[in-house]
Amino acid sequence: MLEFVLLQAPKEGGSNIGTFLMMGGMAAVFYFFMIRPQQKKSKEAKLFKESMKKGDNIVTIGGLHGKIASIESDDTIMVEVDKGIKLKFEKTSVSAEATKKAQTPEVVK
């Protein structure tokens, strides 16, 4: 197989347009299948964290489910996890809205 690849290499004075097209195609694939979806996900998470309000059900990065009791400042919130038990969290530790997590279908094994 290596001999076949080496035989396909362009001769001196040959054109490298095919190589450049292949590299450009690979860059496009990386962008559309890896970089762009990650940017979209990051943007959605940022919008969610900015739009949090009192009464929203949330899930933290650690998996704690609760309801926002109050918003302390621009970067901290109080989360009610049980009857009267409130915990203080950074907004950056909130993973997702619990109602959206419940709507995603689970994979059955």
PDB file of N, CA and C in Angstrom:
ATOM      1  N   MET A   1       0.831  -1.188   0.000  1.00  0.00           N
ATOM      2  CA  MET A   1       0.000   0.000   0.000  1.00  0.00           C
ATOM      3  C   MET A   1       0.877   1.254   0.000  1.00  0.00           C
ATOM      4  N   LEU A   2       1.956   1.226   0.742  1.00  0.00           N
ATOM      5  CA  LEU A   2       2.839   2.376   0.805  1.00  0.00           C
ATOM      6  C   LEU A   2       3.444   2.670  -0.562  1.00  0.00           C
ATOM      7  N   GLU A   3       3.759   1.621  -1.290  1.00  0.00           N
ATOM      8  CA  GLU A   3       4.315   1.819  -2.625  1.00  0.00           C
ATOM      9  C   GLU A   3       3.297   2.510  -3.530  1.00  0.00           C
ATOM     10  N   PHE A   4       2.036   2.127  -3.386  1.00  0.00           N
ATOM     11  CA  PHE A   4       0.981   2.741  -4.195  1.00  0.00           C
ATOM     12  C   PHE A   4       0.869   4.234  -3.898  1.00  0.00           C
ATOM     13  N   VAL A   5       0.917   4.594  -2.611  1.00  0.00           N
ATOM     14  CA  VAL A   5       0.838   6.003  -2.220  1.00  0.00           C
ATOM     15  C   VAL A   5       2.042   6.760  -2.749  1.00  0.00           C
ATOM     16  N   LEU A   6       3.219   6.161  -2.651  1.00  0.00           N
ATOM     17  CA  LEU A   6       4.417   6.835  -3.124  1.00  0.00           C
ATOM     18  C   LEU A   6       4.406   6.993  -4.641  1.00  0.00           C
ATOM     19  N   LEU A   7       3.821   6.026  -5.335  1.00  0.00           N
ATOM     20  CA  LEU A   7       3.739   6.129  -6.786  1.00  0.00           C
ATOM     21  C   LEU A   7       2.785   7.242  -7.216  1.00  0.00           C
ATOM     22  N   GLN A   8       1.825   7.580  -6.359  1.00  0.00           N
ATOM     23  CA  GLN A   8       0.858   8.622  -6.686  1.00  0.00           C
ATOM     24  C   GLN A   8       1.392  10.031  -6.412  1.00  0.00           C
ATOM     25  N   ALA A   9       2.540  10.139  -5.783  1.00  0.00           N
ATOM     26  CA  ALA A   9       3.105  11.448  -5.469  1.00  0.00           C
ATOM     27  C   ALA A   9       3.413  12.187  -6.771  1.00  0.00           C
ATOM     28  N   PRO A  10       3.171  13.491  -6.800  1.00  0.00           N
ATOM     29  CA  PRO A  10       3.421  14.247  -8.030  1.00  0.00           C
ATOM     30  C   PRO A  10       4.917  14.301  -8.350  1.00  0.00           C
ATOM     31  N   LYS A  11       5.199  14.273  -9.621  1.00  0.00           N
ATOM     32  CA  LYS A  11       6.593  14.370 -10.078  1.00  0.00           C
ATOM     33  C   LYS A  11       7.065  15.806  -9.932  1.00  0.00           C
ATOM     34  N   GLU A  12       8.346  16.001 -10.103  1.00  0.00           N
ATOM     35  CA  GLU A  12       8.883  17.355 -10.037  1.00  0.00           C
ATOM     36  C   GLU A  12       8.232  18.203 -11.119  1.00  0.00           C
ATOM     37  N   GLY A  13       7.837  19.412 -10.729  1.00  0.00           N
ATOM     38  CA  GLY A  13       7.167  20.297 -11.666  1.00  0.00           C
ATOM     39  C   GLY A  13       5.679  19.992 -11.782  1.00  0.00           C
ATOM     40  N   GLY A  14       5.202  18.999 -11.026  1.00  0.00           N
ATOM     41  CA  GLY A  14       3.786  18.637 -11.055  1.00  0.00           C
ATOM     42  C   GLY A  14       2.958  19.614 -10.236  1.00  0.00           C
ATOM     43  N   SER A  15       1.643  19.456 -10.313  1.00  0.00           N
ATOM     44  CA  SER A  15       0.719  20.356  -9.632  1.00  0.00           C
ATOM     45  C   SER A  15       0.321  19.790  -8.263  1.00  0.00           C
ATOM     46  N   ASN A  16       0.219  20.645  -7.282  1.00  0.00           N
ATOM     47  CA  ASN A  16      -0.194  20.243  -5.933  1.00  0.00           C
ATOM     48  C   ASN A  16      -1.623  20.678  -5.631  1.00  0.00           C
ATOM     49  N   ILE A  17      -2.395  20.965  -6.660  1.00  0.00           N
ATOM     50  CA  ILE A  17      -3.762  21.444  -6.455  1.00  0.00           C
ATOM     51  C   ILE A  17      -4.606  20.384  -5.741  1.00  0.00           C
ATOM     52  N   GLY A  18      -4.442  19.145  -6.105  1.00  0.00           N
ATOM     53  CA  GLY A  18      -5.192  18.063  -5.464  1.00  0.00           C
ATOM     54  C   GLY A  18      -4.896  17.970  -3.977  1.00  0.00           C
ATOM     55  N   THR A  19      -3.657  18.142  -3.607  1.00  0.00           N
ATOM     56  CA  THR A  19      -3.270  18.105  -2.200  1.00  0.00           C
ATOM     57  C   THR A  19      -3.900  19.260  -1.442  1.00  0.00           C
ATOM     58  N   PHE A  20      -3.874  20.450  -2.034  1.00  0.00           N
ATOM     59  CA  PHE A  20      -4.467  21.605  -1.373  1.00  0.00           C
ATOM     60  C   PHE A  20      -5.979  21.458  -1.243  1.00  0.00           C
ATOM     61  N   LEU A  21      -6.630  20.893  -2.259  1.00  0.00           N
ATOM     62  CA  LEU A  21      -8.073  20.670  -2.180  1.00  0.00           C
ATOM     63  C   LEU A  21      -8.413  19.671  -1.076  1.00  0.00           C
ATOM     64  N   MET A  22      -7.600  18.627  -0.951  1.00  0.00           N
ATOM     65  CA  MET A  22      -7.817  17.614   0.086  1.00  0.00           C
ATOM     66  C   MET A  22      -7.659  18.230   1.476  1.00  0.00           C
ATOM     67  N   MET A  23      -6.634  19.047   1.650  1.00  0.00           N
ATOM     68  CA  MET A  23      -6.414  19.690   2.948  1.00  0.00           C
ATOM     69  C   MET A  23      -7.553  20.666   3.260  1.00  0.00           C
ATOM     70  N   GLY A  24      -8.015  21.406   2.260  1.00  0.00           N
ATOM     71  CA  GLY A  24      -9.142  22.319   2.458  1.00  0.00           C
ATOM     72  C   GLY A  24     -10.416  21.564   2.812  1.00  0.00           C
ATOM     73  N   GLY A  25     -10.632  20.429   2.175  1.00  0.00           N
ATOM     74  CA  GLY A  25     -11.797  19.601   2.490  1.00  0.00           C
ATOM     75  C   GLY A  25     -11.748  19.072   3.906  1.00  0.00           C
ATOM     76  N   MET A  26     -10.570  18.659   4.331  1.00  0.00           N
ATOM     77  CA  MET A  26     -10.419  18.168   5.705  1.00  0.00           C
ATOM     78  C   MET A  26     -10.677  19.291   6.716  1.00  0.00           C
ATOM     79  N   ALA A  27     -10.191  20.487   6.413  1.00  0.00           N
ATOM     80  CA  ALA A  27     -10.429  21.629   7.302  1.00  0.00           C
ATOM     81  C   ALA A  27     -11.926  21.938   7.385  1.00  0.00           C
ATOM     82  N   ALA A  28     -12.634  21.859   6.271  1.00  0.00           N
ATOM     83  CA  ALA A  28     -14.081  22.114   6.261  1.00  0.00           C
ATOM     84  C   ALA A  28     -14.824  21.062   7.087  1.00  0.00           C
ATOM     85  N   VAL A  29     -14.430  19.812   6.963  1.00  0.00           N
ATOM     86  CA  VAL A  29     -15.060  18.737   7.736  1.00  0.00           C
ATOM     87  C   VAL A  29     -14.843  18.967   9.227  1.00  0.00           C
ATOM     88  N   PHE A  30     -13.615  19.294   9.625  1.00  0.00           N
ATOM     89  CA  PHE A  30     -13.344  19.576  11.036  1.00  0.00           C
ATOM     90  C   PHE A  30     -14.201  20.729  11.533  1.00  0.00           C
ATOM     91  N   TYR A  31     -14.323  21.771  10.737  1.00  0.00           N
ATOM     92  CA  TYR A  31     -15.099  22.935  11.167  1.00  0.00           C
ATOM     93  C   TYR A  31     -16.566  22.579  11.345  1.00  0.00           C
ATOM     94  N   PHE A  32     -17.184  21.948  10.343  1.00  0.00           N
ATOM     95  CA  PHE A  32     -18.620  21.699  10.387  1.00  0.00           C
ATOM     96  C   PHE A  32     -19.021  20.568  11.320  1.00  0.00           C
ATOM     97  N   PHE A  33     -18.130  19.622  11.608  1.00  0.00           N
ATOM     98  CA  PHE A  33     -18.493  18.510  12.479  1.00  0.00           C
ATOM     99  C   PHE A  33     -17.931  18.612  13.886  1.00  0.00           C
ATOM    100  N   MET A  34     -16.962  19.486  14.130  1.00  0.00           N
ATOM    101  CA  MET A  34     -16.380  19.574  15.460  1.00  0.00           C
ATOM    102  C   MET A  34     -16.455  20.978  16.052  1.00  0.00           C
ATOM    103  N   ILE A  35     -15.970  21.958  15.367  1.00  0.00           N
ATOM    104  CA  ILE A  35     -15.854  23.299  15.928  1.00  0.00           C
ATOM    105  C   ILE A  35     -17.209  23.998  15.993  1.00  0.00           C
ATOM    106  N   ARG A  36     -17.956  23.990  14.914  1.00  0.00           N
ATOM    107  CA  ARG A  36     -19.234  24.716  14.857  1.00  0.00           C
ATOM    108  C   ARG A  36     -20.264  24.195  15.870  1.00  0.00           C
ATOM    109  N   PRO A  37     -20.458  22.880  16.018  1.00  0.00           N
ATOM    110  CA  PRO A  37     -21.416  22.410  17.030  1.00  0.00           C
ATOM    111  C   PRO A  37     -21.005  22.800  18.453  1.00  0.00           C
ATOM    112  N   GLN A  38     -19.700  22.784  18.743  1.00  0.00           N
ATOM    113  CA  GLN A  38     -19.256  23.169  20.070  1.00  0.00           C
ATOM    114  C   GLN A  38     -19.518  24.647  20.336  1.00  0.00           C
ATOM    115  N   GLN A  39     -19.305  25.493  19.322  1.00  0.00           N
ATOM    116  CA  GLN A  39     -19.586  26.919  19.477  1.00  0.00           C
ATOM    117  C   GLN A  39     -21.080  27.153  19.701  1.00  0.00           C
ATOM    118  N   LYS A  40     -21.917  26.408  18.996  1.00  0.00           N
ATOM    119  CA  LYS A  40     -23.368  26.543  19.145  1.00  0.00           C
ATOM    120  C   LYS A  40     -23.811  26.132  20.554  1.00  0.00           C
ATOM    121  N   LYS A  41     -23.268  25.036  21.045  1.00  0.00           N
ATOM    122  CA  LYS A  41     -23.598  24.555  22.385  1.00  0.00           C
ATOM    123  C   LYS A  41     -23.150  25.561  23.447  1.00  0.00           C
ATOM    124  N   SER A  42     -21.980  26.128  23.279  1.00  0.00           N
ATOM    125  CA  SER A  42     -21.458  27.117  24.214  1.00  0.00           C
ATOM    126  C   SER A  42     -22.330  28.371  24.222  1.00  0.00           C
ATOM    127  N   LYS A  43     -22.763  28.792  23.062  1.00  0.00           N
ATOM    128  CA  LYS A  43     -23.614  29.979  22.951  1.00  0.00           C
ATOM    129  C   LYS A  43     -24.963  29.747  23.637  1.00  0.00           C
ATOM    130  N   GLU A  44     -25.550  28.566  23.453  1.00  0.00           N
ATOM    131  CA  GLU A  44     -26.825  28.244  24.092  1.00  0.00           C
ATOM    132  C   GLU A  44     -26.689  28.213  25.611  1.00  0.00           C
ATOM    133  N   ALA A  45     -25.589  27.657  26.120  1.00  0.00           N
ATOM    134  CA  ALA A  45     -25.357  27.606  27.565  1.00  0.00           C
ATOM    135  C   ALA A  45     -25.207  29.011  28.131  1.00  0.00           C
ATOM    136  N   LYS A  46     -24.507  29.877  27.420  1.00  0.00           N
ATOM    137  CA  LYS A  46     -24.322  31.257  27.872  1.00  0.00           C
ATOM    138  C   LYS A  46     -25.663  31.990  27.929  1.00  0.00           C
ATOM    139  N   LEU A  47     -26.490  31.820  26.891  1.00  0.00           N
ATOM    140  CA  LEU A  47     -27.812  32.459  26.872  1.00  0.00           C
ATOM    141  C   LEU A  47     -28.691  31.953  28.019  1.00  0.00           C
ATOM    142  N   PHE A  48     -28.608  30.646  28.306  1.00  0.00           N
ATOM    143  CA  PHE A  48     -29.403  30.083  29.400  1.00  0.00           C
ATOM    144  C   PHE A  48     -28.976  30.673  30.739  1.00  0.00           C
ATOM    145  N   LYS A  49     -27.662  30.761  30.961  1.00  0.00           N
ATOM    146  CA  LYS A  49     -27.169  31.280  32.244  1.00  0.00           C
ATOM    147  C   LYS A  49     -27.525  32.752  32.428  1.00  0.00           C
ATOM    148  N   GLU A  50     -27.598  33.497  31.338  1.00  0.00           N
ATOM    149  CA  GLU A  50     -27.980  34.907  31.432  1.00  0.00           C
ATOM    150  C   GLU A  50     -29.480  35.079  31.659  1.00  0.00           C
ATOM    151  N   SER A  51     -30.277  34.102  31.230  1.00  0.00           N
ATOM    152  CA  SER A  51     -31.736  34.238  31.320  1.00  0.00           C
ATOM    153  C   SER A  51     -32.341  33.513  32.525  1.00  0.00           C
ATOM    154  N   MET A  52     -31.510  32.995  33.448  1.00  0.00           N
ATOM    155  CA  MET A  52     -32.049  32.308  34.626  1.00  0.00           C
ATOM    156  C   MET A  52     -32.844  33.283  35.480  1.00  0.00           C
ATOM    157  N   LYS A  53     -33.950  32.775  36.033  1.00  0.00           N
ATOM    158  CA  LYS A  53     -34.783  33.617  36.896  1.00  0.00           C
ATOM    159  C   LYS A  53     -35.305  32.777  38.057  1.00  0.00           C
ATOM    160  N   LYS A  54     -35.844  33.459  39.045  1.00  0.00           N
ATOM    161  CA  LYS A  54     -36.371  32.802  40.231  1.00  0.00           C
ATOM    162  C   LYS A  54     -37.486  31.832  39.833  1.00  0.00           C
ATOM    163  N   GLY A  55     -37.434  30.620  40.389  1.00  0.00           N
ATOM    164  CA  GLY A  55     -38.455  29.612  40.123  1.00  0.00           C
ATOM    165  C   GLY A  55     -38.075  28.595  39.057  1.00  0.00           C
ATOM    166  N   ASP A  56     -36.985  28.824  38.335  1.00  0.00           N
ATOM    167  CA  ASP A  56     -36.545  27.858  37.315  1.00  0.00           C
ATOM    168  C   ASP A  56     -35.998  26.599  37.969  1.00  0.00           C
ATOM    169  N   ASN A  57     -36.350  25.451  37.428  1.00  0.00           N
ATOM    170  CA  ASN A  57     -35.754  24.189  37.865  1.00  0.00           C
ATOM    171  C   ASN A  57     -34.446  23.995  37.119  1.00  0.00           C
ATOM    172  N   ILE A  58     -33.383  23.672  37.870  1.00  0.00           N
ATOM    173  CA  ILE A  58     -32.058  23.556  37.265  1.00  0.00           C
ATOM    174  C   ILE A  58     -31.369  22.275  37.707  1.00  0.00           C
ATOM    175  N   VAL A  59     -30.289  21.949  36.998  1.00  0.00           N
ATOM    176  CA  VAL A  59     -29.405  20.846  37.349  1.00  0.00           C
ATOM    177  C   VAL A  59     -27.992  21.408  37.366  1.00  0.00           C
ATOM    178  N   THR A  60     -27.257  21.148  38.443  1.00  0.00           N
ATOM    179  CA  THR A  60     -25.886  21.637  38.517  1.00  0.00           C
ATOM    180  C   THR A  60     -24.950  20.663  37.812  1.00  0.00           C
ATOM    181  N   ILE A  61     -23.704  21.084  37.645  1.00  0.00           N
ATOM    182  CA  ILE A  61     -22.708  20.221  37.007  1.00  0.00           C
ATOM    183  C   ILE A  61     -22.509  18.940  37.812  1.00  0.00           C
ATOM    184  N   GLY A  62     -22.640  19.038  39.129  1.00  0.00           N
ATOM    185  CA  GLY A  62     -22.486  17.874  39.998  1.00  0.00           C
ATOM    186  C   GLY A  62     -23.699  16.964  40.020  1.00  0.00           C
ATOM    187  N   GLY A  63     -24.800  17.359  39.360  1.00  0.00           N
ATOM    188  CA  GLY A  63     -25.990  16.518  39.279  1.00  0.00           C
ATOM    189  C   GLY A  63     -27.062  16.852  40.301  1.00  0.00           C
ATOM    190  N   LEU A  64     -26.908  17.945  41.043  1.00  0.00           N
ATOM    191  CA  LEU A  64     -27.880  18.350  42.045  1.00  0.00           C
ATOM    192  C   LEU A  64     -29.070  19.034  41.365  1.00  0.00           C
ATOM    193  N   HIS A  65     -30.271  18.555  41.650  1.00  0.00           N
ATOM    194  CA  HIS A  65     -31.487  19.133  41.087  1.00  0.00           C
ATOM    195  C   HIS A  65     -32.101  20.075  42.110  1.00  0.00           C
ATOM    196  N   GLY A  66     -32.608  21.208  41.648  1.00  0.00           N
ATOM    197  CA  GLY A  66     -33.233  22.140  42.558  1.00  0.00           C
ATOM    198  C   GLY A  66     -33.956  23.246  41.813  1.00  0.00           C
ATOM    199  N   LYS A  67     -34.500  24.174  42.594  1.00  0.00           N
ATOM    200  CA  LYS A  67     -35.242  25.308  42.047  1.00  0.00           C
ATOM    201  C   LYS A  67     -34.553  26.578  42.518  1.00  0.00           C
ATOM    202  N   ILE A  68     -34.425  27.553  41.632  1.00  0.00           N
ATOM    203  CA  ILE A  68     -33.782  28.810  41.996  1.00  0.00           C
ATOM    204  C   ILE A  68     -34.686  29.554  42.978  1.00  0.00           C
ATOM    205  N   ALA A  69     -34.167  29.770  44.200  1.00  0.00           N
ATOM    206  CA  ALA A  69     -34.918  30.491  45.220  1.00  0.00           C
ATOM    207  C   ALA A  69     -34.726  31.992  45.074  1.00  0.00           C
ATOM    208  N   SER A  70     -33.499  32.400  44.766  1.00  0.00           N
ATOM    209  CA  SER A  70     -33.229  33.821  44.564  1.00  0.00           C
ATOM    210  C   SER A  70     -31.917  33.976  43.809  1.00  0.00           C
ATOM    211  N   ILE A  71     -31.755  35.147  43.219  1.00  0.00           N
ATOM    212  CA  ILE A  71     -30.507  35.467  42.525  1.00  0.00           C
ATOM    213  C   ILE A  71     -29.789  36.493  43.389  1.00  0.00           C
ATOM    214  N   GLU A  72     -28.654  36.075  43.960  1.00  0.00           N
ATOM    215  CA  GLU A  72     -27.914  36.904  44.910  1.00  0.00           C
ATOM    216  C   GLU A  72     -27.206  38.066  44.215  1.00  0.00           C
ATOM    217  N   SER A  73     -26.450  37.765  43.181  1.00  0.00           N
ATOM    218  CA  SER A  73     -25.711  38.796  42.447  1.00  0.00           C
ATOM    219  C   SER A  73     -25.581  38.342  40.996  1.00  0.00           C
ATOM    220  N   ASP A  74     -24.709  39.002  40.258  1.00  0.00           N
ATOM    221  CA  ASP A  74     -24.535  38.634  38.853  1.00  0.00           C
ATOM    222  C   ASP A  74     -23.951  37.241  38.683  1.00  0.00           C
ATOM    223  N   ASP A  75     -23.281  36.725  39.718  1.00  0.00           N
ATOM    224  CA  ASP A  75     -22.623  35.430  39.541  1.00  0.00           C
ATOM    225  C   ASP A  75     -23.008  34.371  40.573  1.00  0.00           C
ATOM    226  N   THR A  76     -23.897  34.659  41.525  1.00  0.00           N
ATOM    227  CA  THR A  76     -24.316  33.643  42.498  1.00  0.00           C
ATOM    228  C   THR A  76     -25.836  33.556  42.569  1.00  0.00           C
ATOM    229  N   ILE A  77     -26.305  32.345  42.873  1.00  0.00           N
ATOM    230  CA  ILE A  77     -27.742  32.092  43.030  1.00  0.00           C
ATOM    231  C   ILE A  77     -27.960  31.222  44.264  1.00  0.00           C
ATOM    232  N   MET A  78     -29.159  31.299  44.831  1.00  0.00           N
ATOM    233  CA  MET A  78     -29.561  30.415  45.926  1.00  0.00           C
ATOM    234  C   MET A  78     -30.504  29.377  45.329  1.00  0.00           C
ATOM    235  N   VAL A  79     -30.184  28.105  45.570  1.00  0.00           N
ATOM    236  CA  VAL A  79     -30.968  27.000  45.016  1.00  0.00           C
ATOM    237  C   VAL A  79     -31.638  26.254  46.156  1.00  0.00           C
ATOM    238  N   GLU A  80     -32.950  26.077  46.055  1.00  0.00           N
ATOM    239  CA  GLU A  80     -33.687  25.294  47.044  1.00  0.00           C
ATOM    240  C   GLU A  80     -33.712  23.848  46.560  1.00  0.00           C
ATOM    241  N   VAL A  81     -33.116  22.953  47.360  1.00  0.00           N
ATOM    242  CA  VAL A  81     -33.023  21.560  46.947  1.00  0.00           C
ATOM    243  C   VAL A  81     -34.075  20.682  47.620  1.00  0.00           C
ATOM    244  N   ASP A  82     -34.575  21.098  48.781  1.00  0.00           N
ATOM    245  CA  ASP A  82     -35.600  20.357  49.486  1.00  0.00           C
ATOM    246  C   ASP A  82     -36.409  21.365  50.297  1.00  0.00           C
ATOM    247  N   LYS A  83     -37.343  20.916  51.050  1.00  0.00           N
ATOM    248  CA  LYS A  83     -38.224  21.812  51.807  1.00  0.00           C
ATOM    249  C   LYS A  83     -37.402  22.698  52.755  1.00  0.00           C
ATOM    250  N   GLY A  84     -37.138  23.921  52.331  1.00  0.00           N
ATOM    251  CA  GLY A  84     -36.440  24.873  53.183  1.00  0.00           C
ATOM    252  C   GLY A  84     -34.924  24.804  53.128  1.00  0.00           C
ATOM    253  N   ILE A  85     -34.348  23.832  52.472  1.00  0.00           N
ATOM    254  CA  ILE A  85     -32.889  23.722  52.386  1.00  0.00           C
ATOM    255  C   ILE A  85     -32.419  24.489  51.159  1.00  0.00           C
ATOM    256  N   LYS A  86     -31.620  25.527  51.423  1.00  0.00           N
ATOM    257  CA  LYS A  86     -31.124  26.371  50.331  1.00  0.00           C
ATOM    258  C   LYS A  86     -29.603  26.326  50.307  1.00  0.00           C
ATOM    259  N   LEU A  87     -29.057  26.253  49.118  1.00  0.00           N
ATOM    260  CA  LEU A  87     -27.612  26.227  48.921  1.00  0.00           C
ATOM    261  C   LEU A  87     -27.216  27.338  47.961  1.00  0.00           C
ATOM    262  N   LYS A  88     -26.039  27.904  48.191  1.00  0.00           N
ATOM    263  CA  LYS A  88     -25.542  28.977  47.327  1.00  0.00           C
ATOM    264  C   LYS A  88     -24.605  28.366  46.286  1.00  0.00           C
ATOM    265  N   PHE A  89     -24.820  28.727  45.013  1.00  0.00           N
ATOM    266  CA  PHE A  89     -24.015  28.230  43.900  1.00  0.00           C
ATOM    267  C   PHE A  89     -23.584  29.379  43.007  1.00  0.00           C
ATOM    268  N   GLU A  90     -22.499  29.171  42.316  1.00  0.00           N
ATOM    269  CA  GLU A  90     -22.088  30.078  41.254  1.00  0.00           C
ATOM    270  C   GLU A  90     -22.960  29.778  40.036  1.00  0.00           C
ATOM    271  N   LYS A  91     -23.259  30.794  39.242  1.00  0.00           N
ATOM    272  CA  LYS A  91     -24.049  30.559  38.024  1.00  0.00           C
ATOM    273  C   LYS A  91     -23.312  29.643  37.053  1.00  0.00           C
ATOM    274  N   THR A  92     -21.982  29.689  37.081  1.00  0.00           N
ATOM    275  CA  THR A  92     -21.216  28.848  36.163  1.00  0.00           C
ATOM    276  C   THR A  92     -21.326  27.362  36.501  1.00  0.00           C
ATOM    277  N   SER A  93     -21.793  27.025  37.711  1.00  0.00           N
ATOM    278  CA  SER A  93     -21.929  25.612  38.074  1.00  0.00           C
ATOM    279  C   SER A  93     -23.259  25.016  37.628  1.00  0.00           C
ATOM    280  N   VAL A  94     -24.129  25.826  37.043  1.00  0.00           N
ATOM    281  CA  VAL A  94     -25.416  25.330  36.552  1.00  0.00           C
ATOM    282  C   VAL A  94     -25.205  24.716  35.172  1.00  0.00           C
ATOM    283  N   SER A  95     -25.661  23.479  35.037  1.00  0.00           N
ATOM    284  CA  SER A  95     -25.462  22.748  33.790  1.00  0.00           C
ATOM    285  C   SER A  95     -26.596  22.986  32.805  1.00  0.00           C
ATOM    286  N   ALA A  96     -27.828  22.801  33.248  1.00  0.00           N
ATOM    287  CA  ALA A  96     -28.954  22.912  32.317  1.00  0.00           C
ATOM    288  C   ALA A  96     -30.244  23.128  33.090  1.00  0.00           C
ATOM    289  N   GLU A  97     -31.265  23.450  32.352  1.00  0.00           N
ATOM    290  CA  GLU A  97     -32.594  23.576  32.926  1.00  0.00           C
ATOM    291  C   GLU A  97     -33.172  22.176  33.081  1.00  0.00           C
ATOM    292  N   ALA A  98     -33.731  21.869  34.249  1.00  0.00           N
ATOM    293  CA  ALA A  98     -34.207  20.516  34.542  1.00  0.00           C
ATOM    294  C   ALA A  98     -35.344  20.097  33.627  1.00  0.00           C
ATOM    295  N   THR A  99     -36.196  21.038  33.223  1.00  0.00           N
ATOM    296  CA  THR A  99     -37.312  20.670  32.351  1.00  0.00           C
ATOM    297  C   THR A  99     -36.805  20.245  30.983  1.00  0.00           C
ATOM    298  N   LYS A 100     -35.716  20.852  30.503  1.00  0.00           N
ATOM    299  CA  LYS A 100     -35.151  20.442  29.220  1.00  0.00           C
ATOM    300  C   LYS A 100     -34.457  19.101  29.340  1.00  0.00           C
ATOM    301  N   LYS A 101     -33.829  18.828  30.490  1.00  0.00           N
ATOM    302  CA  LYS A 101     -33.187  17.532  30.718  1.00  0.00           C
ATOM    303  C   LYS A 101     -34.236  16.418  30.706  1.00  0.00           C
ATOM    304  N   ALA A 102     -35.419  16.691  31.274  1.00  0.00           N
ATOM    305  CA  ALA A 102     -36.473  15.686  31.339  1.00  0.00           C
ATOM    306  C   ALA A 102     -37.056  15.403  29.968  1.00  0.00           C
ATOM    307  N   GLN A 103     -36.998  16.347  29.049  1.00  0.00           N
ATOM    308  CA  GLN A 103     -37.577  16.170  27.721  1.00  0.00           C
ATOM    309  C   GLN A 103     -36.713  15.347  26.799  1.00  0.00           C
ATOM    310  N   THR A 104     -35.409  15.226  27.083  1.00  0.00           N
ATOM    311  CA  THR A 104     -34.527  14.462  26.213  1.00  0.00           C
ATOM    312  C   THR A 104     -34.807  12.979  26.384  1.00  0.00           C
ATOM    313  N   PRO A 105     -34.920  12.237  25.282  1.00  0.00           N
ATOM    314  CA  PRO A 105     -35.203  10.810  25.377  1.00  0.00           C
ATOM    315  C   PRO A 105     -34.018  10.037  25.936  1.00  0.00           C
ATOM    316  N   GLU A 106     -34.330   9.046  26.774  1.00  0.00           N
ATOM    317  CA  GLU A 106     -33.273   8.222  27.357  1.00  0.00           C
ATOM    318  C   GLU A 106     -33.019   7.011  26.474  1.00  0.00           C
ATOM    319  N   VAL A 107     -31.791   6.545  26.482  1.00  0.00           N
ATOM    320  CA  VAL A 107     -31.418   5.379  25.707  1.00  0.00           C
ATOM    321  C   VAL A 107     -31.703   4.150  26.533  1.00  0.00           C
ATOM    322  N   VAL A 108     -32.454   3.219  25.981  1.00  0.00           N
ATOM    323  CA  VAL A 108     -32.811   1.996  26.667  1.00  0.00           C
ATOM    324  C   VAL A 108     -31.824   0.906  26.252  1.00  0.00           C
ATOM    325  N   LYS A 109     -31.264   0.247  27.235  1.00  0.00           N
ATOM    326  CA  LYS A 109     -30.284  -0.825  26.948  1.00  0.00           C
ATOM    327  C   LYS A 109     -30.959  -2.141  26.765  1.00  0.00           C
TER     328      LYS A 109
END
